Amino acid sequence: MNNLLFLSMNVYAFITPIVVFLLFFEIIYSVISKNGKYPFQDTVTNLGTGIGNQCINLGVAFFVFKWYGWLFNMTPFEIPITWWSLILLLLLQDFVFYWFHRIGHTVNVFWAAHMAHHSSEEMNLSVGIRASFTQRLFQFLFFDWILVIIGYSPEAVYSMAAIHLLLAYWHHTALIGKMGWFEKYFVTPSHHRVHHGVNPQYIDKNFSEFLIIWDKMFGSYEEEVEEVCYGVTHPPRTWNPIHVNFQYWKQLWDDAKETKYVWDKIRLWFMPLGWRPRDLEPFTSEGRVGYNRSEQSKYVSNSMSNSKYYLASQVALGLMFLYVTINLQFPLFYYHRLLLSIGIFVMIISWGGILESKRWAAGLEIFRILFMAVSMIFVLNATGLSSYQNWTTIFICLVSGISIVYFSVAVARKSKEDYIVSN
């Protein structure tokens, strides 16, 4: 594997520390200023969804290099990597992404792959991490291959997609206001706040990620005037990342099963948002789609007792676990990364259960701690990164033991006692 290929496949591991630094800087500022921009439950859900998404991106990377490698070998063109060709690639990437993003708000199957990112009812940098499990796959599968056909290498396309993603990350904040002349040409947080708005005048506006000129050229630009109400028209009302990611997929699947018309079962996936098969009741919007902040009731649930600081510590440990899982500097085989990824997905599902005080959450949380600890020890030993007698194994066992004891006594048991008292 050449150095460029390694760098491009490992690019998410390189940008993750930057994202985490900016995120925690904004969190600390928000806590000190008490501005209420980071509701705990929503933030944990955003982080959990982002952590799970990074595991998906790892698999997408291998798919991209297989398919894009074949395309690159077929095309007669090859653009050399220079400073000017990289700038051109960024501009082309931005243009292609504008249309991918716009179609993502227009066609059912593409909205299903994108909706999770819009499902938060807040706006902060953690929302930028709340990425759909399927969006990156759709981007590379249906759009970015155009850049390979015209002569850019798969390594360059994949790396630039990550850079483009990082350039769009800082837009997800409510702490930065209007930015004067800069807003004439570049996307700013004000522009992107509008994009996340469910206010009637903001819906399906400002699709650009780097240059705002695309929205101005193609008629999808809207300036931020009224206070933005964030979310989607049919919010998921849950902290479960699986439900958040597959809510709209399930809605489409249910409609496809229910209709008796075979043609409607097929075309349903490719029709505009809101379309339903002819034998099903149409959605009623009462002449108005969306709502403003005064009409919104944000979702809040009763979390398990004493779970706030516990979950905060588990998020930090989860990020460390993720770093080992996705970092290609570590000599892990694909099945090692798959094993660790399974643990990560069980972890984020468990977090959702804790945030909603689900009865199954206590058992699942203890199981996932043990599973993640055993799998990490096994992987580190199998790859020679550590051994069963090493301090790393002792540290993992110690942290896992403390987590299980604290959760069992201070969280699960206290929650059960509070439930009995309240009933």
Foldseek 3Di string as FASTA:
>chain_A
DDPLLQCLLQVCLVCVVVLVVVQVVVVVVCVVVVPPQCDQLLLLLLLLLLLLLLLLSNVLSVVLCVVLVVLLVPAPAADDDDPVVLVVLLVVLQVQQLVLLLVLQWFLQSVLQAQLLQQDQGFALSSLSSGASRNVNCCSVPTLSVVSNNHYGSSSSSNSVVVLSVQQSQLRHPPDDDDPPVVQWFDHVQQVLLDQAQAQVSDSAQSGRTTSVVCVVPVRHDGDDDDGGGRAQDHQLFSQSVCSSRVSVVVLVVQLVPDPDPVQNPCNRGHTPQDGDPPDDGDDPVPTGGDHPVPDDDRAADAFPPCSVLSVVVSVVSVVLSSVLSRPVQPFDPVLSVQSSVLSSLVSNLSRCRRHVPPCSLVSNLVSLVSNLVSVQVRCCVRVVAHCPGVVNVVSVVVSVVSNVCCVPVTPVRRVVVVVVVD
